[in-house]
Amino acid sequence: MIGGIGPSEMMLIFAVLLLLFGANKLPELARSMGTSMGEFKKAQKESEQSLRDYEKSLKNATQVKSTEQAKEKDSNVKQVASNLGISVEGKSNDELLVEINSMLKN
């Protein structure tokens, strides 16, 4: 059973095709249908691969942007700490944020 079509339906379809196209044209018709199906599957695989490549490029771009944003945030924290007179040498951003927070509360 192919796609819900049983053997009796297949025989009927084959008989109609034989009457419409004749015995000489059926092999040529089947060959061209096979070629068309092959080309369709090839195009489908290529489009799926293009989609996967596009998804990868989007993921990479997002990761790069996140890294850039993190660096910008680090720079901003250090700049604010420096403006408040806090020494930034050898301190992590978390330590700087705690010091900034304590200065702002006073």
Protein backbone atom coordinates (compact mmCIF):
# COMPACT_ATOMS: atom_id res chain seq x y z
CA MET A 1 0.00 0.00 0.00
CA ILE A 2 1.55 3.29 -1.13
CA GLY A 3 0.07 6.48 0.31
CA GLY A 4 -3.30 4.85 1.00
CA ILE A 5 -3.52 3.33 -2.50
CA GLY A 6 -3.98 -0.43 -2.55
CA PRO A 7 -2.94 -2.93 -5.25
CA SER A 8 -6.29 -2.81 -7.03
CA GLU A 9 -6.18 0.99 -7.29
CA MET A 10 -2.59 0.80 -8.59
CA MET A 11 -3.67 -1.65 -11.31
CA LEU A 12 -6.50 0.68 -12.32
CA ILE A 13 -4.14 3.68 -12.49
CA PHE A 14 -1.64 1.65 -14.52
CA ALA A 15 -4.38 0.55 -16.94
CA VAL A 16 -5.56 4.15 -17.44
CA LEU A 17 -1.97 5.31 -18.04
CA LEU A 18 -1.45 2.49 -20.51
CA LEU A 19 -4.57 3.52 -22.42
CA LEU A 20 -3.68 7.22 -22.38
CA PHE A 21 0.01 7.06 -23.27
CA GLY A 22 0.48 3.66 -24.87
CA ALA A 23 3.02 0.96 -24.03
CA ASN A 24 5.91 2.77 -25.74
CA LYS A 25 5.54 6.02 -23.77
CA LEU A 26 5.18 4.51 -20.27
CA PRO A 27 8.90 3.81 -19.68
CA GLU A 28 9.77 7.32 -20.85
CA LEU A 29 7.07 8.79 -18.60
CA ALA A 30 8.28 6.76 -15.60
CA ARG A 31 11.88 7.80 -16.27
CA SER A 32 10.99 11.49 -16.43
CA MET A 33 8.93 11.20 -13.23
CA GLY A 34 11.88 9.53 -11.49
CA THR A 35 14.24 12.25 -12.68
CA SER A 36 11.83 14.93 -11.50
CA MET A 37 11.51 13.30 -8.07
CA GLY A 38 15.31 13.09 -7.79
CA GLU A 39 15.70 16.78 -8.66
CA PHE A 40 12.97 17.70 -6.19
CA LYS A 41 14.65 15.77 -3.36
CA LYS A 42 18.02 17.32 -4.24
CA ALA A 43 16.52 20.83 -4.13
CA GLN A 44 14.79 20.00 -0.84
CA LYS A 45 18.08 18.86 0.74
CA GLU A 46 19.86 21.99 -0.51
CA SER A 47 17.19 24.27 0.93
CA GLU A 48 17.29 22.42 4.27
CA GLN A 49 21.08 22.81 4.36
CA SER A 50 20.76 26.52 3.56
CA LEU A 51 18.29 26.89 6.40
CA ARG A 52 20.65 25.10 8.83
CA ASP A 53 23.54 27.33 7.71
CA TYR A 54 21.39 30.44 8.22
CA GLU A 55 20.40 29.27 11.72
CA LYS A 56 24.08 28.72 12.58
CA SER A 57 25.00 32.20 11.36
CA LEU A 58 22.19 33.72 13.45
CA LYS A 59 23.38 31.80 16.52
CA ASN A 60 26.95 32.97 16.00
CA ALA A 61 25.86 36.57 15.51
CA THR A 62 23.81 36.41 18.71
CA GLN A 63 26.76 35.03 20.65
CA VAL A 64 29.08 37.74 19.31
CA LYS A 65 26.54 40.42 20.22
CA SER A 66 26.17 38.99 23.75
CA THR A 67 29.95 39.03 24.19
CA GLU A 68 30.14 42.62 22.95
CA GLN A 69 27.35 43.66 25.31
CA ALA A 70 29.12 41.99 28.25
CA LYS A 71 32.36 43.83 27.42
CA GLU A 72 30.46 47.11 27.15
CA LYS A 73 28.81 46.47 30.52
CA ASP A 74 32.22 45.74 32.09
CA SER A 75 33.55 48.98 30.65
CA ASN A 76 30.55 50.95 31.93
CA VAL A 77 30.90 49.53 35.46
CA LYS A 78 34.59 50.42 35.55
CA GLN A 79 33.88 53.92 34.23
CA VAL A 80 31.21 54.56 36.88
CA ALA A 81 33.51 53.24 39.60
CA SER A 82 36.33 55.50 38.40
CA ASN A 83 34.00 58.50 38.32
CA LEU A 84 33.06 57.79 41.94
CA GLY A 85 36.72 57.61 42.94
CA ILE A 86 36.82 53.84 43.42
CA SER A 87 40.03 52.05 42.48
CA VAL A 88 39.26 49.52 39.73
CA GLU A 89 42.64 47.77 39.66
CA GLY A 90 42.40 44.01 40.28
CA LYS A 91 38.69 44.07 41.14
CA SER A 92 35.94 42.10 39.46
CA ASN A 93 32.76 43.73 38.23
CA ASP A 94 30.83 42.17 41.10
CA GLU A 95 33.21 43.72 43.63
CA LEU A 96 32.98 47.07 41.89
CA LEU A 97 29.18 46.91 41.85
CA VAL A 98 29.13 46.22 45.61
CA GLU A 99 31.40 49.22 46.23
CA ILE A 100 29.35 51.45 43.91
CA ASN A 101 26.17 50.36 45.67
CA SER A 102 27.62 51.07 49.12
CA MET A 103 28.85 54.52 48.01
CA LEU A 104 25.44 55.41 46.62
CA LYS A 105 23.72 54.40 49.87
CA ASN A 106 25.96 56.73 51.90
